[in-house]
Amino acid sequence: MELNSGERPRRGRPRDPEAEPRIRRYAVQLLLERGFDGMTVDDVAEAAGVGKATIYRRWASKELLANDAMAQMFDIEIPDADTGSIAGDLRQVYRDALIFVNSKEGIALIRLAVSEMNRDEQFTVFYRSFLQRRIALTAAALERARRRGEPIRASADPVLMVQWLAGVLIVRALTGEKMPSVDDADHLVAMTMRCIAE
């Protein structure tokens, strides 16, 4: 009878395959609620139902865990729209963006992004990447409009189109002024169209 196959028995509990996404999810939640300074590895571990060692096996520091959580937060997409007109595309995108920024998570993400960009350059990279994806989609929408024969100015700038709306939302988040509502989408589209249409 063979007593030993040559394999060493495994010790301890098997790895929980759901631990990493659960840890990341609670890190995101705590960052949004408390910011970087208020989030602790102890609190993330308690919320996720794991030991601190489980977290430190995956992320060597609180900073790395926060960076990973922020990367996930910015991995959001306002869906692209192709409605058949540039005004329709803008209206759909603006409505989706306004729904997001009027949510508890949306306003918290904007405030967190601004505060963390002043603390860590990595957060600036995340936010810039998010904006660049939106700018690329806006440039594609302008090109579709031109191919359809819509009277779009040659000077229409997708960078400024994205940045002006982002600026409005950031200023309102920081000052506590009420965000534009979904019902304001048509007004915002009209303002944009005055700048880009011939």
C-alpha atoms as a PDB file:
ATOM      1  CA  MET A   1       0.000   0.000   0.000  1.00  0.00           C
ATOM      2  CA  GLU A   2       1.390   3.442  -0.992  1.00  0.00           C
ATOM      3  CA  LEU A   3       1.530   5.804   1.940  1.00  0.00           C
ATOM      4  CA  ASN A   4       3.088   8.875   0.351  1.00  0.00           C
ATOM      5  CA  SER A   5       2.590  10.101  -3.194  1.00  0.00           C
ATOM      6  CA  GLY A   6       5.451  12.559  -2.818  1.00  0.00           C
ATOM      7  CA  GLU A   7       3.128  15.586  -2.541  1.00  0.00           C
ATOM      8  CA  ARG A   8       3.243  17.644   0.608  1.00  0.00           C
ATOM      9  CA  PRO A   9      -0.160  18.108   2.234  1.00  0.00           C
ATOM     10  CA  ARG A  10      -1.582  21.636   1.971  1.00  0.00           C
ATOM     11  CA  ARG A  11      -1.940  23.492   5.217  1.00  0.00           C
ATOM     12  CA  GLY A  12      -4.490  26.040   6.260  1.00  0.00           C
ATOM     13  CA  ARG A  13      -7.743  27.021   4.622  1.00  0.00           C
ATOM     14  CA  PRO A  14      -8.003  26.997   0.845  1.00  0.00           C
ATOM     15  CA  ARG A  15      -7.878  30.392  -0.848  1.00  0.00           C
ATOM     16  CA  ASP A  16     -11.213  32.118  -1.222  1.00  0.00           C
ATOM     17  CA  PRO A  17     -11.573  32.996  -4.930  1.00  0.00           C
ATOM     18  CA  GLU A  18     -14.095  35.706  -4.052  1.00  0.00           C
ATOM     19  CA  ALA A  19     -11.833  37.404  -1.510  1.00  0.00           C
ATOM     20  CA  GLU A  20     -10.028  39.717  -3.932  1.00  0.00           C
ATOM     21  CA  PRO A  21     -13.094  41.214  -5.644  1.00  0.00           C
ATOM     22  CA  ARG A  22     -14.810  41.506  -2.256  1.00  0.00           C
ATOM     23  CA  ILE A  23     -11.805  43.311  -0.737  1.00  0.00           C
ATOM     24  CA  ARG A  24     -11.645  45.655  -3.728  1.00  0.00           C
ATOM     25  CA  ARG A  25     -15.396  46.349  -3.515  1.00  0.00           C
ATOM     26  CA  TYR A  26     -15.197  47.321   0.172  1.00  0.00           C
ATOM     27  CA  ALA A  27     -12.054  49.380  -0.431  1.00  0.00           C
ATOM     28  CA  VAL A  28     -13.993  51.341  -3.054  1.00  0.00           C
ATOM     29  CA  GLN A  29     -16.919  51.797  -0.669  1.00  0.00           C
ATOM     30  CA  LEU A  30     -14.735  53.003   2.192  1.00  0.00           C
ATOM     31  CA  LEU A  31     -12.743  55.337  -0.059  1.00  0.00           C
ATOM     32  CA  LEU A  32     -15.955  56.938  -1.261  1.00  0.00           C
ATOM     33  CA  GLU A  33     -17.293  57.259   2.284  1.00  0.00           C
ATOM     34  CA  ARG A  34     -14.121  58.396   4.074  1.00  0.00           C
ATOM     35  CA  GLY A  35     -11.422  59.300   1.560  1.00  0.00           C
ATOM     36  CA  PHE A  36      -7.895  57.910   1.595  1.00  0.00           C
ATOM     37  CA  ASP A  37      -6.956  59.175   5.058  1.00  0.00           C
ATOM     38  CA  GLY A  38     -10.118  57.761   6.620  1.00  0.00           C
ATOM     39  CA  MET A  39      -9.824  54.339   5.009  1.00  0.00           C
ATOM     40  CA  THR A  40      -7.789  51.763   6.939  1.00  0.00           C
ATOM     41  CA  VAL A  41      -6.694  48.254   6.002  1.00  0.00           C
ATOM     42  CA  ASP A  42      -8.244  47.062   9.292  1.00  0.00           C
ATOM     43  CA  ASP A  43     -11.632  48.450   8.273  1.00  0.00           C
ATOM     44  CA  VAL A  44     -11.422  46.972   4.775  1.00  0.00           C
ATOM     45  CA  ALA A  45     -10.486  43.587   6.230  1.00  0.00           C
ATOM     46  CA  GLU A  46     -13.378  43.682   8.695  1.00  0.00           C
ATOM     47  CA  ALA A  47     -15.895  44.748   6.057  1.00  0.00           C
ATOM     48  CA  ALA A  48     -14.682  42.087   3.603  1.00  0.00           C
ATOM     49  CA  GLY A  49     -14.616  39.371   6.258  1.00  0.00           C
ATOM     50  CA  VAL A  50     -10.925  38.563   5.806  1.00  0.00           C
ATOM     51  CA  GLY A  51      -7.768  38.899   7.844  1.00  0.00           C
ATOM     52  CA  LYS A  52      -5.265  41.707   7.256  1.00  0.00           C
ATOM     53  CA  ALA A  53      -2.748  39.101   6.083  1.00  0.00           C
ATOM     54  CA  THR A  54      -5.099  38.198   3.229  1.00  0.00           C
ATOM     55  CA  ILE A  55      -5.047  41.806   2.071  1.00  0.00           C
ATOM     56  CA  TYR A  56      -1.291  42.240   2.451  1.00  0.00           C
ATOM     57  CA  ARG A  57      -0.656  39.052   0.434  1.00  0.00           C
ATOM     58  CA  ARG A  58      -2.342  40.789  -2.509  1.00  0.00           C
ATOM     59  CA  TRP A  59      -1.474  44.461  -1.872  1.00  0.00           C
ATOM     60  CA  ALA A  60       1.764  45.325  -0.095  1.00  0.00           C
ATOM     61  CA  SER A  61       0.436  48.620   1.261  1.00  0.00           C
ATOM     62  CA  LYS A  62      -2.683  50.675   1.815  1.00  0.00           C
ATOM     63  CA  GLU A  63      -1.549  52.943  -1.033  1.00  0.00           C
ATOM     64  CA  LEU A  64      -1.468  50.036  -3.514  1.00  0.00           C
ATOM     65  CA  LEU A  65      -4.901  48.853  -2.382  1.00  0.00           C
ATOM     66  CA  ALA A  66      -6.281  52.389  -2.746  1.00  0.00           C
ATOM     67  CA  ASN A  67      -4.719  52.749  -6.199  1.00  0.00           C
ATOM     68  CA  ASP A  68      -6.304  49.484  -7.304  1.00  0.00           C
ATOM     69  CA  ALA A  69      -9.677  50.548  -5.911  1.00  0.00           C
ATOM     70  CA  MET A  70      -9.462  53.927  -7.635  1.00  0.00           C
ATOM     71  CA  ALA A  71      -8.559  52.269 -10.933  1.00  0.00           C
ATOM     72  CA  GLN A  72     -11.734  50.216 -10.624  1.00  0.00           C
ATOM     73  CA  MET A  73     -13.809  53.310  -9.794  1.00  0.00           C
ATOM     74  CA  PHE A  74     -12.599  55.074 -12.911  1.00  0.00           C
ATOM     75  CA  ASP A  75     -13.247  51.986 -15.019  1.00  0.00           C
ATOM     76  CA  ILE A  76     -16.746  53.265 -15.626  1.00  0.00           C
ATOM     77  CA  GLU A  77     -18.127  54.187 -18.958  1.00  0.00           C
ATOM     78  CA  ILE A  78     -20.892  56.546 -19.877  1.00  0.00           C
ATOM     79  CA  PRO A  79     -22.303  54.470 -22.761  1.00  0.00           C
ATOM     80  CA  ASP A  80     -21.611  55.784 -26.239  1.00  0.00           C
ATOM     81  CA  ALA A  81     -24.621  56.923 -28.238  1.00  0.00           C
ATOM     82  CA  ASP A  82     -25.270  56.744 -31.966  1.00  0.00           C
ATOM     83  CA  THR A  83     -28.773  58.137 -32.409  1.00  0.00           C
ATOM     84  CA  GLY A  84     -28.449  59.450 -35.948  1.00  0.00           C
ATOM     85  CA  SER A  85     -27.691  63.089 -35.055  1.00  0.00           C
ATOM     86  CA  ILE A  86     -25.012  64.845 -33.029  1.00  0.00           C
ATOM     87  CA  ALA A  87     -27.667  66.591 -30.917  1.00  0.00           C
ATOM     88  CA  GLY A  88     -29.283  63.231 -30.152  1.00  0.00           C
ATOM     89  CA  ASP A  89     -25.923  61.683 -29.303  1.00  0.00           C
ATOM     90  CA  LEU A  90     -25.071  64.534 -26.935  1.00  0.00           C
ATOM     91  CA  ARG A  91     -28.507  64.449 -25.332  1.00  0.00           C
ATOM     92  CA  GLN A  92     -28.173  60.727 -24.515  1.00  0.00           C
ATOM     93  CA  VAL A  93     -24.621  61.029 -23.191  1.00  0.00           C
ATOM     94  CA  TYR A  94     -25.471  64.104 -21.110  1.00  0.00           C
ATOM     95  CA  ARG A  95     -28.534  62.417 -19.634  1.00  0.00           C
ATOM     96  CA  ASP A  96     -26.492  59.348 -18.649  1.00  0.00           C
ATOM     97  CA  ALA A  97     -23.760  61.548 -17.145  1.00  0.00           C
ATOM     98  CA  LEU A  98     -26.301  63.597 -15.179  1.00  0.00           C
ATOM     99  CA  ILE A  99     -27.954  60.464 -13.814  1.00  0.00           C
ATOM    100  CA  PHE A 100     -24.529  59.338 -12.569  1.00  0.00           C
ATOM    101  CA  VAL A 101     -23.447  62.643 -10.996  1.00  0.00           C
ATOM    102  CA  ASN A 102     -26.788  62.994  -9.232  1.00  0.00           C
ATOM    103  CA  SER A 103     -26.240  59.658  -7.484  1.00  0.00           C
ATOM    104  CA  LYS A 104     -24.594  59.363  -4.092  1.00  0.00           C
ATOM    105  CA  GLU A 105     -21.730  57.364  -5.622  1.00  0.00           C
ATOM    106  CA  GLY A 106     -21.242  59.823  -8.482  1.00  0.00           C
ATOM    107  CA  ILE A 107     -20.884  62.919  -6.324  1.00  0.00           C
ATOM    108  CA  ALA A 108     -18.622  61.046  -3.904  1.00  0.00           C
ATOM    109  CA  LEU A 109     -16.379  59.906  -6.764  1.00  0.00           C
ATOM    110  CA  ILE A 110     -15.957  63.455  -8.079  1.00  0.00           C
ATOM    111  CA  ARG A 111     -15.077  64.820  -4.643  1.00  0.00           C
ATOM    112  CA  LEU A 112     -12.703  61.940  -3.936  1.00  0.00           C
ATOM    113  CA  ALA A 113     -10.979  62.317  -7.302  1.00  0.00           C
ATOM    114  CA  VAL A 114     -10.318  66.005  -6.746  1.00  0.00           C
ATOM    115  CA  SER A 115      -8.969  65.534  -3.214  1.00  0.00           C
ATOM    116  CA  GLU A 116      -6.819  62.531  -4.125  1.00  0.00           C
ATOM    117  CA  MET A 117      -5.343  64.159  -7.241  1.00  0.00           C
ATOM    118  CA  ASN A 118      -3.799  66.722  -4.912  1.00  0.00           C
ATOM    119  CA  ARG A 119      -2.258  63.929  -2.842  1.00  0.00           C
ATOM    120  CA  ASP A 120      -1.087  61.386  -5.412  1.00  0.00           C
ATOM    121  CA  GLU A 121      -0.195  61.831  -9.084  1.00  0.00           C
ATOM    122  CA  GLN A 122      -1.496  58.317  -9.798  1.00  0.00           C
ATOM    123  CA  PHE A 123      -5.068  59.500  -9.288  1.00  0.00           C
ATOM    124  CA  THR A 124      -4.500  62.218 -11.894  1.00  0.00           C
ATOM    125  CA  VAL A 125      -3.465  59.465 -14.321  1.00  0.00           C
ATOM    126  CA  PHE A 126      -6.700  57.553 -13.631  1.00  0.00           C
ATOM    127  CA  TYR A 127      -8.870  60.628 -14.143  1.00  0.00           C
ATOM    128  CA  ARG A 128      -7.013  61.742 -17.268  1.00  0.00           C
ATOM    129  CA  SER A 129      -7.439  58.265 -18.759  1.00  0.00           C
ATOM    130  CA  PHE A 130     -11.170  58.385 -18.018  1.00  0.00           C
ATOM    131  CA  LEU A 131     -11.470  61.766 -19.749  1.00  0.00           C
ATOM    132  CA  GLN A 132      -9.389  60.612 -22.717  1.00  0.00           C
ATOM    133  CA  ARG A 133     -11.789  57.724 -23.343  1.00  0.00           C
ATOM    134  CA  ARG A 134     -14.702  60.170 -23.303  1.00  0.00           C
ATOM    135  CA  ILE A 135     -12.849  62.574 -25.621  1.00  0.00           C
ATOM    136  CA  ALA A 136     -12.183  59.769 -28.123  1.00  0.00           C
ATOM    137  CA  LEU A 137     -15.887  58.863 -28.154  1.00  0.00           C
ATOM    138  CA  THR A 138     -16.834  62.534 -28.632  1.00  0.00           C
ATOM    139  CA  ALA A 139     -14.394  62.884 -31.538  1.00  0.00           C
ATOM    140  CA  ALA A 140     -15.952  59.801 -33.144  1.00  0.00           C
ATOM    141  CA  ALA A 141     -19.451  61.289 -32.706  1.00  0.00           C
ATOM    142  CA  LEU A 142     -18.346  64.510 -34.413  1.00  0.00           C
ATOM    143  CA  GLU A 143     -16.870  62.553 -37.303  1.00  0.00           C
ATOM    144  CA  ARG A 144     -20.075  60.538 -37.718  1.00  0.00           C
ATOM    145  CA  ALA A 145     -22.030  63.802 -37.804  1.00  0.00           C
ATOM    146  CA  ARG A 146     -19.770  65.225 -40.517  1.00  0.00           C
ATOM    147  CA  ARG A 147     -20.145  62.062 -42.603  1.00  0.00           C
ATOM    148  CA  ARG A 148     -23.926  62.423 -42.317  1.00  0.00           C
ATOM    149  CA  GLY A 149     -23.618  65.951 -43.666  1.00  0.00           C
ATOM    150  CA  GLU A 150     -24.435  67.771 -40.440  1.00  0.00           C
ATOM    151  CA  PRO A 151     -23.029  71.337 -40.374  1.00  0.00           C
ATOM    152  CA  ILE A 152     -20.263  70.857 -37.805  1.00  0.00           C
ATOM    153  CA  ARG A 153     -17.591  73.542 -37.553  1.00  0.00           C
ATOM    154  CA  ALA A 154     -14.069  72.484 -38.434  1.00  0.00           C
ATOM    155  CA  SER A 155     -13.012  74.094 -35.143  1.00  0.00           C
ATOM    156  CA  ALA A 156     -15.334  71.900 -33.024  1.00  0.00           C
ATOM    157  CA  ASP A 157     -13.004  70.626 -30.299  1.00  0.00           C
ATOM    158  CA  PRO A 158     -13.882  67.312 -28.591  1.00  0.00           C
ATOM    159  CA  VAL A 159     -11.421  68.071 -25.775  1.00  0.00           C
ATOM    160  CA  LEU A 160     -13.168  71.304 -24.829  1.00  0.00           C
ATOM    161  CA  MET A 161     -16.585  69.684 -25.290  1.00  0.00           C
ATOM    162  CA  VAL A 162     -15.732  67.113 -22.620  1.00  0.00           C
ATOM    163  CA  GLN A 163     -13.796  69.449 -20.348  1.00  0.00           C
ATOM    164  CA  TRP A 164     -16.431  72.176 -20.131  1.00  0.00           C
ATOM    165  CA  LEU A 165     -19.094  69.806 -18.871  1.00  0.00           C
ATOM    166  CA  ALA A 166     -16.633  68.047 -16.550  1.00  0.00           C
ATOM    167  CA  GLY A 167     -15.636  71.466 -15.205  1.00  0.00           C
ATOM    168  CA  VAL A 168     -19.232  72.404 -14.440  1.00  0.00           C
ATOM    169  CA  LEU A 169     -19.761  69.127 -12.578  1.00  0.00           C
ATOM    170  CA  ILE A 170     -16.524  69.429 -10.597  1.00  0.00           C
ATOM    171  CA  VAL A 171     -17.225  73.041  -9.560  1.00  0.00           C
ATOM    172  CA  ARG A 172     -20.712  72.113  -8.399  1.00  0.00           C
ATOM    173  CA  ALA A 173     -19.426  69.078  -6.496  1.00  0.00           C
ATOM    174  CA  LEU A 174     -16.827  71.184  -4.699  1.00  0.00           C
ATOM    175  CA  THR A 175     -19.093  74.122  -3.890  1.00  0.00           C
ATOM    176  CA  GLY A 176     -22.112  72.050  -2.893  1.00  0.00           C
ATOM    177  CA  GLU A 177     -24.241  73.741  -5.539  1.00  0.00           C
ATOM    178  CA  LYS A 178     -27.015  71.545  -6.883  1.00  0.00           C
ATOM    179  CA  MET A 179     -25.991  69.441  -9.864  1.00  0.00           C
ATOM    180  CA  PRO A 180     -27.782  69.979 -13.170  1.00  0.00           C
ATOM    181  CA  SER A 181     -30.675  67.541 -13.334  1.00  0.00           C
ATOM    182  CA  VAL A 182     -31.473  65.131 -16.136  1.00  0.00           C
ATOM    183  CA  ASP A 183     -34.097  67.660 -17.244  1.00  0.00           C
ATOM    184  CA  ASP A 184     -31.256  70.154 -17.868  1.00  0.00           C
ATOM    185  CA  ALA A 185     -29.741  67.939 -20.572  1.00  0.00           C
ATOM    186  CA  ASP A 186     -31.549  69.750 -23.407  1.00  0.00           C
ATOM    187  CA  HIS A 187     -30.270  73.133 -22.177  1.00  0.00           C
ATOM    188  CA  LEU A 188     -26.699  71.831 -21.985  1.00  0.00           C
ATOM    189  CA  VAL A 189     -26.991  70.308 -25.453  1.00  0.00           C
ATOM    190  CA  ALA A 190     -28.268  73.620 -26.852  1.00  0.00           C
ATOM    191  CA  MET A 191     -25.260  75.421 -25.352  1.00  0.00           C
ATOM    192  CA  THR A 192     -22.895  72.876 -26.899  1.00  0.00           C
ATOM    193  CA  MET A 193     -24.585  72.999 -30.274  1.00  0.00           C
ATOM    194  CA  ARG A 194     -24.189  76.791 -30.421  1.00  0.00           C
ATOM    195  CA  CYS A 195     -20.436  76.260 -30.184  1.00  0.00           C
ATOM    196  CA  ILE A 196     -20.025  73.403 -32.651  1.00  0.00           C
ATOM    197  CA  ALA A 197     -22.694  73.920 -35.335  1.00  0.00           C
ATOM    198  CA  GLU A 198     -22.130  76.214 -38.293  1.00  0.00           C
END
